[in-house]
Each structure stands twice: as C-alpha cells, then as structure tokens.
PDB file of all heavy atoms in Angstrom:
ATOM      1  N   LEU A   1     -13.547  -3.274  -6.323  1.00  0.00           N
ATOM      2  CA  LEU A   1     -12.405  -3.401  -7.185  1.00  0.00           C
ATOM      3  C   LEU A   1     -11.244  -2.535  -6.734  1.00  0.00           C
ATOM      4  O   LEU A   1     -11.390  -1.396  -6.258  1.00  0.00           O
ATOM      5  CB  LEU A   1     -12.805  -2.945  -8.595  1.00  0.00           C
ATOM      6  CG  LEU A   1     -11.667  -2.943  -9.669  1.00  0.00           C
ATOM      7  CD1 LEU A   1     -11.259  -4.409  -9.942  1.00  0.00           C
ATOM      8  CD2 LEU A   1     -12.192  -2.298 -10.987  1.00  0.00           C
ATOM      9  N   ILE A   2     -10.015  -3.118  -6.842  1.00  0.00           N
ATOM     10  CA  ILE A   2      -8.794  -2.406  -6.442  1.00  0.00           C
ATOM     11  C   ILE A   2      -7.926  -2.390  -7.710  1.00  0.00           C
ATOM     12  O   ILE A   2      -7.305  -3.423  -8.054  1.00  0.00           O
ATOM     13  CB  ILE A   2      -8.036  -3.024  -5.316  1.00  0.00           C
ATOM     14  CG1 ILE A   2      -8.950  -3.106  -4.072  1.00  0.00           C
ATOM     15  CG2 ILE A   2      -6.777  -2.207  -5.016  1.00  0.00           C
ATOM     16  CD1 ILE A   2      -8.301  -3.849  -2.898  1.00  0.00           C
ATOM     17  N   ASP A   3      -7.911  -1.287  -8.434  1.00  0.00           N
ATOM     18  CA  ASP A   3      -7.103  -1.182  -9.659  1.00  0.00           C
ATOM     19  C   ASP A   3      -5.911  -0.307  -9.415  1.00  0.00           C
ATOM     20  O   ASP A   3      -5.698   0.184  -8.285  1.00  0.00           O
ATOM     21  CB  ASP A   3      -7.951  -0.682 -10.823  1.00  0.00           C
ATOM     22  CG  ASP A   3      -8.608   0.677 -10.565  1.00  0.00           C
ATOM     23  OD1 ASP A   3      -8.328   1.259  -9.483  1.00  0.00           O
ATOM     24  OD2 ASP A   3      -9.416   1.101 -11.421  1.00  0.00           O
ATOM     25  N   ASP A   4      -5.099  -0.109 -10.437  1.00  0.00           N
ATOM     26  CA  ASP A   4      -3.964   0.786 -10.320  1.00  0.00           C
ATOM     27  C   ASP A   4      -3.086   0.414  -9.145  1.00  0.00           C
ATOM     28  O   ASP A   4      -2.630   1.303  -8.430  1.00  0.00           O
ATOM     29  CB  ASP A   4      -4.459   2.212 -10.254  1.00  0.00           C
ATOM     30  CG  ASP A   4      -3.380   3.251 -10.604  1.00  0.00           C
ATOM     31  OD1 ASP A   4      -2.471   2.900 -11.345  1.00  0.00           O
ATOM     32  OD2 ASP A   4      -3.434   4.381 -10.058  1.00  0.00           O
ATOM     33  N   LEU A   5      -2.846  -0.899  -8.934  1.00  0.00           N
ATOM     34  CA  LEU A   5      -2.108  -1.325  -7.760  1.00  0.00           C
ATOM     35  C   LEU A   5      -0.622  -1.003  -7.853  1.00  0.00           C
ATOM     36  O   LEU A   5       0.028  -0.781  -6.846  1.00  0.00           O
ATOM     37  CB  LEU A   5      -2.306  -2.845  -7.579  1.00  0.00           C
ATOM     38  CG  LEU A   5      -3.319  -3.325  -6.547  1.00  0.00           C
ATOM     39  CD1 LEU A   5      -3.404  -4.851  -6.588  1.00  0.00           C
ATOM     40  CD2 LEU A   5      -2.940  -2.840  -5.176  1.00  0.00           C
ATOM     41  N   PHE A   6      -0.057  -1.067  -9.063  1.00  0.00           N
ATOM     42  CA  PHE A   6       1.378  -0.919  -9.211  1.00  0.00           C
ATOM     43  C   PHE A   6       1.699   0.407  -9.924  1.00  0.00           C
ATOM     44  O   PHE A   6       1.344   0.607 -11.078  1.00  0.00           O
ATOM     45  CB  PHE A   6       1.960  -2.113  -9.947  1.00  0.00           C
ATOM     46  CG  PHE A   6       1.806  -3.409  -9.198  1.00  0.00           C
ATOM     47  CD1 PHE A   6       0.936  -4.355  -9.616  1.00  0.00           C
ATOM     48  CD2 PHE A   6       2.581  -3.609  -8.052  1.00  0.00           C
ATOM     49  CE1 PHE A   6       0.795  -5.536  -8.895  1.00  0.00           C
ATOM     50  CE2 PHE A   6       2.454  -4.835  -7.341  1.00  0.00           C
ATOM     51  CZ  PHE A   6       1.541  -5.790  -7.787  1.00  0.00           C
ATOM     52  N   ASN A   7       2.406   1.252  -9.218  1.00  0.00           N
ATOM     53  CA  ASN A   7       2.867   2.572  -9.766  1.00  0.00           C
ATOM     54  C   ASN A   7       4.339   2.719  -9.432  1.00  0.00           C
ATOM     55  O   ASN A   7       4.824   2.389  -8.401  1.00  0.00           O
ATOM     56  CB  ASN A   7       2.061   3.676  -9.105  1.00  0.00           C
ATOM     57  CG  ASN A   7       0.598   3.600  -9.378  1.00  0.00           C
ATOM     58  OD1 ASN A   7       0.109   3.992 -10.433  1.00  0.00           O
ATOM     59  ND2 ASN A   7      -0.199   3.046  -8.454  1.00  0.00           N
ATOM     60  N   GLU A   8       5.046   3.264 -10.402  1.00  0.00           N
ATOM     61  CA  GLU A   8       6.494   3.362 -10.336  1.00  0.00           C
ATOM     62  C   GLU A   8       6.974   4.093  -9.010  1.00  0.00           C
ATOM     63  O   GLU A   8       6.507   5.196  -8.754  1.00  0.00           O
ATOM     64  CB  GLU A   8       7.041   4.087 -11.546  1.00  0.00           C
ATOM     65  CG  GLU A   8       8.552   4.190 -11.635  1.00  0.00           C
ATOM     66  CD  GLU A   8       9.050   4.752 -12.898  1.00  0.00           C
ATOM     67  OE1 GLU A   8       8.380   4.582 -13.948  1.00  0.00           O
ATOM     68  OE2 GLU A   8      10.140   5.424 -12.901  1.00  0.00           O
ATOM     69  N   ASP A   9       7.797   3.386  -8.273  1.00  0.00           N
ATOM     70  CA  ASP A   9       8.399   3.892  -7.038  1.00  0.00           C
ATOM     71  C   ASP A   9       7.362   4.325  -5.989  1.00  0.00           C
ATOM     72  O   ASP A   9       7.534   5.332  -5.278  1.00  0.00           O
ATOM     73  CB  ASP A   9       9.348   5.085  -7.322  1.00  0.00           C
ATOM     74  CG  ASP A   9      10.644   4.582  -7.999  1.00  0.00           C
ATOM     75  OD1 ASP A   9      11.029   3.412  -7.763  1.00  0.00           O
ATOM     76  OD2 ASP A   9      11.215   5.352  -8.785  1.00  0.00           O
ATOM     77  N   LYS A  10       6.221   3.596  -5.963  1.00  0.00           N
ATOM     78  CA  LYS A  10       5.185   3.848  -4.990  1.00  0.00           C
ATOM     79  C   LYS A  10       4.673   2.594  -4.344  1.00  0.00           C
ATOM     80  O   LYS A  10       4.777   1.460  -4.889  1.00  0.00           O
ATOM     81  CB  LYS A  10       4.030   4.608  -5.652  1.00  0.00           C
ATOM     82  CG  LYS A  10       4.360   6.030  -6.100  1.00  0.00           C
ATOM     83  CD  LYS A  10       3.175   6.697  -6.765  1.00  0.00           C
ATOM     84  CE  LYS A  10       3.509   8.090  -7.206  1.00  0.00           C
ATOM     85  NZ  LYS A  10       2.376   8.767  -7.891  1.00  0.00           N
ATOM     86  N   ILE A  11       4.139   2.763  -3.139  1.00  0.00           N
ATOM     87  CA  ILE A  11       3.373   1.715  -2.450  1.00  0.00           C
ATOM     88  C   ILE A  11       1.933   2.146  -2.397  1.00  0.00           C
ATOM     89  O   ILE A  11       1.603   3.254  -2.004  1.00  0.00           O
ATOM     90  CB  ILE A  11       3.927   1.503  -1.011  1.00  0.00           C
ATOM     91  CG1 ILE A  11       5.397   1.053  -0.997  1.00  0.00           C
ATOM     92  CG2 ILE A  11       3.042   0.508  -0.239  1.00  0.00           C
ATOM     93  CD1 ILE A  11       6.004   0.921   0.371  1.00  0.00           C
ATOM     94  N   LYS A  12       0.995   1.254  -2.865  1.00  0.00           N
ATOM     95  CA  LYS A  12      -0.384   1.529  -2.770  1.00  0.00           C
ATOM     96  C   LYS A  12      -1.032   0.563  -1.786  1.00  0.00           C
ATOM     97  O   LYS A  12      -0.818  -0.648  -1.897  1.00  0.00           O
ATOM     98  CB  LYS A  12      -1.073   1.398  -4.129  1.00  0.00           C
ATOM     99  CG  LYS A  12      -2.586   1.622  -4.001  1.00  0.00           C
ATOM    100  CD  LYS A  12      -3.274   1.773  -5.335  1.00  0.00           C
ATOM    101  CE  LYS A  12      -4.776   2.059  -5.154  1.00  0.00           C
ATOM    102  NZ  LYS A  12      -5.485   2.353  -6.414  1.00  0.00           N
ATOM    103  N   LEU A  13      -1.801   1.076  -0.837  1.00  0.00           N
ATOM    104  CA  LEU A  13      -2.421   0.285   0.152  1.00  0.00           C
ATOM    105  C   LEU A  13      -3.934   0.590   0.234  1.00  0.00           C
ATOM    106  O   LEU A  13      -4.319   1.765   0.174  1.00  0.00           O
ATOM    107  CB  LEU A  13      -1.833   0.563   1.551  1.00  0.00           C
ATOM    108  CG  LEU A  13      -0.322   0.346   1.729  1.00  0.00           C
ATOM    109  CD1 LEU A  13       0.168   0.830   3.063  1.00  0.00           C
ATOM    110  CD2 LEU A  13       0.023  -1.120   1.540  1.00  0.00           C
ATOM    111  N   VAL A  14      -4.751  -0.454   0.406  1.00  0.00           N
ATOM    112  CA  VAL A  14      -6.165  -0.274   0.605  1.00  0.00           C
ATOM    113  C   VAL A  14      -6.559  -1.018   1.914  1.00  0.00           C
ATOM    114  O   VAL A  14      -6.370  -2.198   2.049  1.00  0.00           O
ATOM    115  CB  VAL A  14      -7.000  -0.871  -0.575  1.00  0.00           C
ATOM    116  CG1 VAL A  14      -8.473  -0.846  -0.220  1.00  0.00           C
ATOM    117  CG2 VAL A  14      -6.700  -0.113  -1.828  1.00  0.00           C
ATOM    118  N   TYR A  15      -7.006  -0.208   2.890  1.00  0.00           N
ATOM    119  CA  TYR A  15      -7.400  -0.715   4.204  1.00  0.00           C
ATOM    120  C   TYR A  15      -8.904  -1.051   4.146  1.00  0.00           C
ATOM    121  O   TYR A  15      -9.728  -0.112   3.961  1.00  0.00           O
ATOM    122  CB  TYR A  15      -7.109   0.326   5.278  1.00  0.00           C
ATOM    123  CG  TYR A  15      -7.366  -0.113   6.701  1.00  0.00           C
ATOM    124  CD1 TYR A  15      -6.316  -0.309   7.595  1.00  0.00           C
ATOM    125  CD2 TYR A  15      -8.679  -0.272   7.163  1.00  0.00           C
ATOM    126  CE1 TYR A  15      -6.554  -0.684   8.901  1.00  0.00           C
ATOM    127  CE2 TYR A  15      -8.917  -0.667   8.489  1.00  0.00           C
ATOM    128  CZ  TYR A  15      -7.869  -0.853   9.339  1.00  0.00           C
ATOM    129  OH  TYR A  15      -8.103  -1.200  10.637  1.00  0.00           O
ATOM    130  N   SER A  16      -9.251  -2.301   4.308  1.00  0.00           N
ATOM    131  CA  SER A  16     -10.670  -2.733   4.242  1.00  0.00           C
ATOM    132  C   SER A  16     -11.189  -3.037   5.603  1.00  0.00           C
ATOM    133  O   SER A  16     -10.500  -3.640   6.447  1.00  0.00           O
ATOM    134  CB  SER A  16     -10.763  -3.991   3.326  1.00  0.00           C
ATOM    135  OG  SER A  16     -12.035  -4.566   3.470  1.00  0.00           O
ATOM    136  N   MET A  17     -12.466  -2.706   5.859  1.00  0.00           N
ATOM    137  CA  MET A  17     -13.107  -3.046   7.120  1.00  0.00           C
ATOM    138  C   MET A  17     -13.569  -4.493   7.121  1.00  0.00           C
ATOM    139  O   MET A  17     -14.087  -4.959   8.097  1.00  0.00           O
ATOM    140  CB  MET A  17     -14.269  -2.107   7.388  1.00  0.00           C
ATOM    141  CG  MET A  17     -13.837  -0.678   7.746  1.00  0.00           C
ATOM    142  SD  MET A  17     -12.748  -0.671   9.254  1.00  0.00           S
ATOM    143  CE  MET A  17     -13.962  -0.997  10.529  1.00  0.00           C
ATOM    144  N   TYR A  18     -13.389  -5.218   6.010  1.00  0.00           N
ATOM    145  CA  TYR A  18     -13.600  -6.658   6.031  1.00  0.00           C
ATOM    146  C   TYR A  18     -12.387  -7.319   6.764  1.00  0.00           C
ATOM    147  O   TYR A  18     -11.322  -7.455   6.164  1.00  0.00           O
ATOM    148  CB  TYR A  18     -13.749  -7.209   4.646  1.00  0.00           C
ATOM    149  CG  TYR A  18     -15.065  -6.798   3.975  1.00  0.00           C
ATOM    150  CD1 TYR A  18     -15.054  -5.965   2.855  1.00  0.00           C
ATOM    151  CD2 TYR A  18     -16.273  -7.252   4.467  1.00  0.00           C
ATOM    152  CE1 TYR A  18     -16.258  -5.565   2.267  1.00  0.00           C
ATOM    153  CE2 TYR A  18     -17.486  -6.833   3.868  1.00  0.00           C
ATOM    154  CZ  TYR A  18     -17.445  -6.035   2.790  1.00  0.00           C
ATOM    155  OH  TYR A  18     -18.642  -5.638   2.200  1.00  0.00           O
ATOM    156  N   ASP A  19     -12.625  -7.667   8.013  1.00  0.00           N
ATOM    157  CA  ASP A  19     -11.569  -8.255   8.850  1.00  0.00           C
ATOM    158  C   ASP A  19     -10.312  -7.454   8.859  1.00  0.00           C
ATOM    159  O   ASP A  19      -9.207  -7.933   9.140  1.00  0.00           O
ATOM    160  CB  ASP A  19     -11.271  -9.712   8.441  1.00  0.00           C
ATOM    161  CG  ASP A  19     -12.397 -10.639   8.816  1.00  0.00           C
ATOM    162  OD1 ASP A  19     -12.653 -10.726  10.053  1.00  0.00           O
ATOM    163  OD2 ASP A  19     -13.014 -11.267   7.995  1.00  0.00           O
ATOM    164  N   ARG A  20     -10.465  -6.136   8.538  1.00  0.00           N
ATOM    165  CA  ARG A  20      -9.326  -5.171   8.595  1.00  0.00           C
ATOM    166  C   ARG A  20      -8.132  -5.626   7.716  1.00  0.00           C
ATOM    167  O   ARG A  20      -6.943  -5.377   8.051  1.00  0.00           O
ATOM    168  CB  ARG A  20      -8.890  -4.872  10.044  1.00  0.00           C
ATOM    169  CG  ARG A  20     -10.019  -4.285  10.818  1.00  0.00           C
ATOM    170  CD  ARG A  20      -9.592  -3.840  12.217  1.00  0.00           C
ATOM    171  NE  ARG A  20     -10.752  -3.286  12.942  1.00  0.00           N
ATOM    172  CZ  ARG A  20     -11.200  -2.035  12.907  1.00  0.00           C
ATOM    173  NH1 ARG A  20     -10.463  -1.213  12.199  1.00  0.00           N
ATOM    174  NH2 ARG A  20     -12.196  -1.630  13.622  1.00  0.00           N
ATOM    175  N   LEU A  21      -8.419  -6.337   6.644  1.00  0.00           N
ATOM    176  CA  LEU A  21      -7.329  -6.749   5.736  1.00  0.00           C
ATOM    177  C   LEU A  21      -6.839  -5.574   4.946  1.00  0.00           C
ATOM    178  O   LEU A  21      -7.633  -4.709   4.522  1.00  0.00           O
ATOM    179  CB  LEU A  21      -7.862  -7.818   4.765  1.00  0.00           C
ATOM    180  CG  LEU A  21      -6.826  -8.401   3.821  1.00  0.00           C
ATOM    181  CD1 LEU A  21      -6.033  -9.477   4.605  1.00  0.00           C
ATOM    182  CD2 LEU A  21      -7.460  -9.034   2.614  1.00  0.00           C
ATOM    183  N   ILE A  22      -5.530  -5.484   4.753  1.00  0.00           N
ATOM    184  CA  ILE A  22      -4.915  -4.490   3.906  1.00  0.00           C
ATOM    185  C   ILE A  22      -4.405  -5.223   2.638  1.00  0.00           C
ATOM    186  O   ILE A  22      -3.727  -6.228   2.734  1.00  0.00           O
ATOM    187  CB  ILE A  22      -3.747  -3.759   4.586  1.00  0.00           C
ATOM    188  CG1 ILE A  22      -4.275  -2.888   5.726  1.00  0.00           C
ATOM    189  CG2 ILE A  22      -2.974  -2.915   3.614  1.00  0.00           C
ATOM    190  CD1 ILE A  22      -3.216  -2.137   6.546  1.00  0.00           C
ATOM    191  N   VAL A  23      -4.764  -4.647   1.509  1.00  0.00           N
ATOM    192  CA  VAL A  23      -4.345  -5.144   0.174  1.00  0.00           C
ATOM    193  C   VAL A  23      -3.440  -4.087  -0.412  1.00  0.00           C
ATOM    194  O   VAL A  23      -3.765  -2.893  -0.354  1.00  0.00           O
ATOM    195  CB  VAL A  23      -5.558  -5.439  -0.718  1.00  0.00           C
ATOM    196  CG1 VAL A  23      -5.064  -5.824  -2.124  1.00  0.00           C
ATOM    197  CG2 VAL A  23      -6.415  -6.529  -0.110  1.00  0.00           C
ATOM    198  N   GLY A  24      -2.320  -4.510  -0.966  1.00  0.00           N
ATOM    199  CA  GLY A  24      -1.446  -3.478  -1.524  1.00  0.00           C
ATOM    200  C   GLY A  24      -0.533  -3.989  -2.632  1.00  0.00           C
ATOM    201  O   GLY A  24      -0.394  -5.204  -2.865  1.00  0.00           O
ATOM    202  N   GLY A  25       0.097  -3.019  -3.343  1.00  0.00           N
ATOM    203  CA  GLY A  25       1.024  -3.294  -4.383  1.00  0.00           C
ATOM    204  C   GLY A  25       2.293  -2.418  -4.185  1.00  0.00           C
ATOM    205  O   GLY A  25       2.184  -1.222  -3.895  1.00  0.00           O
ATOM    206  N   VAL A  26       3.470  -2.976  -4.434  1.00  0.00           N
ATOM    207  CA  VAL A  26       4.732  -2.258  -4.250  1.00  0.00           C
ATOM    208  C   VAL A  26       5.539  -2.428  -5.513  1.00  0.00           C
ATOM    209  O   VAL A  26       5.821  -3.557  -5.949  1.00  0.00           O
ATOM    210  CB  VAL A  26       5.512  -2.780  -3.039  1.00  0.00           C
ATOM    211  CG1 VAL A  26       6.719  -1.928  -2.775  1.00  0.00           C
ATOM    212  CG2 VAL A  26       4.614  -2.825  -1.809  1.00  0.00           C
ATOM    213  N   MET A  27       5.966  -1.317  -6.099  1.00  0.00           N
ATOM    214  CA  MET A  27       6.711  -1.328  -7.364  1.00  0.00           C
ATOM    215  C   MET A  27       7.971  -0.446  -7.274  1.00  0.00           C
ATOM    216  O   MET A  27       7.963   0.686  -7.678  1.00  0.00           O
ATOM    217  CB  MET A  27       5.816  -0.885  -8.483  1.00  0.00           C
ATOM    218  CG  MET A  27       6.478  -0.974  -9.898  1.00  0.00           C
ATOM    219  SD  MET A  27       5.352  -0.378 -11.171  1.00  0.00           S
ATOM    220  CE  MET A  27       6.441  -0.451 -12.593  1.00  0.00           C
ATOM    221  N   PRO A  28       9.070  -1.026  -6.675  1.00  0.00           N
ATOM    222  CA  PRO A  28      10.277  -0.250  -6.679  1.00  0.00           C
ATOM    223  C   PRO A  28      10.999  -0.280  -8.027  1.00  0.00           C
ATOM    224  O   PRO A  28      11.255  -1.359  -8.565  1.00  0.00           O
ATOM    225  CB  PRO A  28      11.126  -0.978  -5.618  1.00  0.00           C
ATOM    226  CG  PRO A  28      10.638  -2.391  -5.640  1.00  0.00           C
ATOM    227  CD  PRO A  28       9.179  -2.318  -6.077  1.00  0.00           C
ATOM    228  N   VAL A  29      11.310   0.878  -8.589  1.00  0.00           N
ATOM    229  CA  VAL A  29      11.997   0.947  -9.908  1.00  0.00           C
ATOM    230  C   VAL A  29      13.366   1.543  -9.700  1.00  0.00           C
ATOM    231  O   VAL A  29      14.371   0.922  -9.956  1.00  0.00           O
ATOM    232  CB  VAL A  29      11.155   1.772 -10.856  1.00  0.00           C
ATOM    233  CG1 VAL A  29      11.904   1.939 -12.223  1.00  0.00           C
ATOM    234  CG2 VAL A  29       9.758   1.147 -11.077  1.00  0.00           C
ATOM    235  N   SER A  30      13.416   2.789  -9.306  1.00  0.00           N
ATOM    236  CA  SER A  30      14.737   3.493  -9.188  1.00  0.00           C
ATOM    237  C   SER A  30      15.203   3.716  -7.753  1.00  0.00           C
ATOM    238  O   SER A  30      16.276   4.212  -7.516  1.00  0.00           O
ATOM    239  CB  SER A  30      14.671   4.855  -9.888  1.00  0.00           C
ATOM    240  OG  SER A  30      13.685   5.632  -9.341  1.00  0.00           O
ATOM    241  N   THR A  31      14.343   3.316  -6.775  1.00  0.00           N
ATOM    242  CA  THR A  31      14.663   3.554  -5.380  1.00  0.00           C
ATOM    243  C   THR A  31      14.028   2.487  -4.506  1.00  0.00           C
ATOM    244  O   THR A  31      13.055   1.841  -4.895  1.00  0.00           O
ATOM    245  CB  THR A  31      14.162   4.950  -4.933  1.00  0.00           C
ATOM    246  OG1 THR A  31      14.612   5.232  -3.611  1.00  0.00           O
ATOM    247  CG2 THR A  31      12.642   4.994  -4.947  1.00  0.00           C
ATOM    248  N   ALA A  32      14.646   2.266  -3.342  1.00  0.00           N
ATOM    249  CA  ALA A  32      14.067   1.350  -2.394  1.00  0.00           C
ATOM    250  C   ALA A  32      12.832   1.973  -1.748  1.00  0.00           C
ATOM    251  O   ALA A  32      12.763   3.178  -1.550  1.00  0.00           O
ATOM    252  CB  ALA A  32      15.062   0.986  -1.284  1.00  0.00           C
ATOM    253  N   LEU A  33      11.795   1.138  -1.410  1.00  0.00           N
ATOM    254  CA  LEU A  33      10.587   1.659  -0.816  1.00  0.00           C
ATOM    255  C   LEU A  33      10.383   1.030   0.574  1.00  0.00           C
ATOM    256  O   LEU A  33      10.355  -0.172   0.711  1.00  0.00           O
ATOM    257  CB  LEU A  33       9.377   1.292  -1.713  1.00  0.00           C
ATOM    258  CG  LEU A  33       9.437   1.870  -3.160  1.00  0.00           C
ATOM    259  CD1 LEU A  33       8.272   1.319  -3.967  1.00  0.00           C
ATOM    260  CD2 LEU A  33       9.379   3.389  -3.078  1.00  0.00           C
ATOM    261  N   LYS A  34      10.201   1.867   1.547  1.00  0.00           N
ATOM    262  CA  LYS A  34      10.030   1.452   2.949  1.00  0.00           C
ATOM    263  C   LYS A  34       8.535   1.438   3.262  1.00  0.00           C
ATOM    264  O   LYS A  34       7.780   2.375   3.007  1.00  0.00           O
ATOM    265  CB  LYS A  34      10.757   2.342   3.859  1.00  0.00           C
ATOM    266  CG  LYS A  34      10.682   1.950   5.328  1.00  0.00           C
ATOM    267  CD  LYS A  34      11.477   2.892   6.217  1.00  0.00           C
ATOM    268  CE  LYS A  34      11.340   2.562   7.698  1.00  0.00           C
ATOM    269  NZ  LYS A  34      12.077   3.520   8.554  1.00  0.00           N
ATOM    270  N   LEU A  35       8.081   0.355   3.898  1.00  0.00           N
ATOM    271  CA  LEU A  35       6.672   0.217   4.302  1.00  0.00           C
ATOM    272  C   LEU A  35       6.464   1.043   5.572  1.00  0.00           C
ATOM    273  O   LEU A  35       6.962   0.707   6.649  1.00  0.00           O
ATOM    274  CB  LEU A  35       6.358  -1.250   4.538  1.00  0.00           C
ATOM    275  CG  LEU A  35       4.875  -1.626   4.809  1.00  0.00           C
ATOM    276  CD1 LEU A  35       3.999  -1.210   3.611  1.00  0.00           C
ATOM    277  CD2 LEU A  35       4.743  -3.078   5.082  1.00  0.00           C
ATOM    278  N   GLU A  36       5.643   2.090   5.440  1.00  0.00           N
ATOM    279  CA  GLU A  36       5.403   3.003   6.545  1.00  0.00           C
ATOM    280  C   GLU A  36       3.973   2.808   7.045  1.00  0.00           C
ATOM    281  O   GLU A  36       3.097   2.494   6.245  1.00  0.00           O
ATOM    282  CB  GLU A  36       5.634   4.438   6.130  1.00  0.00           C
ATOM    283  CG  GLU A  36       7.025   4.756   5.599  1.00  0.00           C
ATOM    284  CD  GLU A  36       8.035   4.991   6.745  1.00  0.00           C
ATOM    285  OE1 GLU A  36       7.648   4.732   7.894  1.00  0.00           O
ATOM    286  OE2 GLU A  36       9.150   5.392   6.428  1.00  0.00           O
ATOM    287  N   PRO A  37       3.706   3.112   8.304  1.00  0.00           N
ATOM    288  CA  PRO A  37       2.320   3.090   8.816  1.00  0.00           C
ATOM    289  C   PRO A  37       1.504   4.187   8.230  1.00  0.00           C
ATOM    290  O   PRO A  37       1.989   5.300   8.095  1.00  0.00           O
ATOM    291  CB  PRO A  37       2.453   3.149  10.349  1.00  0.00           C
ATOM    292  CG  PRO A  37       3.779   3.898  10.498  1.00  0.00           C
ATOM    293  CD  PRO A  37       4.658   3.444   9.416  1.00  0.00           C
ATOM    294  N   THR A  38       0.223   3.922   7.919  1.00  0.00           N
ATOM    295  CA  THR A  38      -0.699   4.918   7.456  1.00  0.00           C
ATOM    296  C   THR A  38      -1.464   5.470   8.622  1.00  0.00           C
ATOM    297  O   THR A  38      -1.467   4.919   9.715  1.00  0.00           O
ATOM    298  CB  THR A  38      -1.661   4.365   6.394  1.00  0.00           C
ATOM    299  OG1 THR A  38      -2.526   3.381   7.012  1.00  0.00           O
ATOM    300  CG2 THR A  38      -0.881   3.723   5.230  1.00  0.00           C
ATOM    301  N   ASP A  39      -2.197   6.559   8.409  1.00  0.00           N
ATOM    302  CA  ASP A  39      -2.959   7.172   9.487  1.00  0.00           C
ATOM    303  C   ASP A  39      -4.044   6.189   9.991  1.00  0.00           C
ATOM    304  O   ASP A  39      -4.420   6.230  11.170  1.00  0.00           O
ATOM    305  CB  ASP A  39      -3.636   8.439   8.968  1.00  0.00           C
ATOM    306  CG  ASP A  39      -2.662   9.596   8.732  1.00  0.00           C
ATOM    307  OD1 ASP A  39      -1.560   9.499   9.313  1.00  0.00           O
ATOM    308  OD2 ASP A  39      -3.006  10.510   8.023  1.00  0.00           O
ATOM    309  N   ASP A  40      -4.528   5.306   9.127  1.00  0.00           N
ATOM    310  CA  ASP A  40      -5.558   4.325   9.572  1.00  0.00           C
ATOM    311  C   ASP A  40      -5.039   3.409  10.676  1.00  0.00           C
ATOM    312  O   ASP A  40      -5.843   2.898  11.484  1.00  0.00           O
ATOM    313  CB  ASP A  40      -6.017   3.499   8.380  1.00  0.00           C
ATOM    314  CG  ASP A  40      -6.709   4.314   7.321  1.00  0.00           C
ATOM    315  OD1 ASP A  40      -7.448   5.220   7.681  1.00  0.00           O
ATOM    316  OD2 ASP A  40      -6.455   4.056   6.101  1.00  0.00           O
ATOM    317  N   LEU A  41      -3.745   3.170  10.737  1.00  0.00           N
ATOM    318  CA  LEU A  41      -3.192   2.219  11.689  1.00  0.00           C
ATOM    319  C   LEU A  41      -2.934   2.847  13.066  1.00  0.00           C
ATOM    320  O   LEU A  41      -2.931   2.122  14.072  1.00  0.00           O
ATOM    321  CB  LEU A  41      -1.881   1.615  11.161  1.00  0.00           C
ATOM    322  CG  LEU A  41      -1.986   0.826   9.864  1.00  0.00           C
ATOM    323  CD1 LEU A  41      -0.639   0.280   9.482  1.00  0.00           C
ATOM    324  CD2 LEU A  41      -2.967  -0.316  10.012  1.00  0.00           C
ATOM    325  N   LYS A  42      -2.658   4.140  13.099  1.00  0.00           N
ATOM    326  CA  LYS A  42      -2.346   4.792  14.372  1.00  0.00           C
ATOM    327  C   LYS A  42      -1.275   3.997  15.129  1.00  0.00           C
ATOM    328  O   LYS A  42      -1.437   3.642  16.294  1.00  0.00           O
ATOM    329  CB  LYS A  42      -3.611   4.947  15.219  1.00  0.00           C
ATOM    330  CG  LYS A  42      -4.628   5.900  14.621  1.00  0.00           C
ATOM    331  CD  LYS A  42      -4.099   7.359  14.571  1.00  0.00           C
ATOM    332  CE  LYS A  42      -5.253   8.324  14.156  1.00  0.00           C
ATOM    333  NZ  LYS A  42      -5.534   8.270  12.720  1.00  0.00           N
ATOM    334  N   ALA A  43      -0.182   3.741  14.426  1.00  0.00           N
ATOM    335  CA  ALA A  43       0.888   2.895  15.009  1.00  0.00           C
ATOM    336  C   ALA A  43       2.253   3.484  14.657  1.00  0.00           C
ATOM    337  O   ALA A  43       2.377   4.226  13.647  1.00  0.00           O
ATOM    338  CB  ALA A  43       0.791   1.426  14.468  1.00  0.00           C
TER     339      ALA A  43
END
C-alpha cells in the first residue's frame, strides 16, 4: 500500500524493485515543486 501520497508543497516518491517503477504524488499549493533525483537513482 502507498498512502499519504499528497502532502502540501511536497513531492512523495516510492521506488519499487518491481520493474523499478516509481510511484508518486505531487501537490503544489503555495510554491512550484521541482522534480529532483533521489539517492536511489544516483543520477
């Protein structure tokens, strides 16, 4: 289960080892949100 996907002015990402799919939620409220690489990506 992936709950709590949407949080104010945050990006939530879940990196899965099932075909390395990333599931996420983005909720910009008062500011723009830039998609940044996580440590799991090493990119």
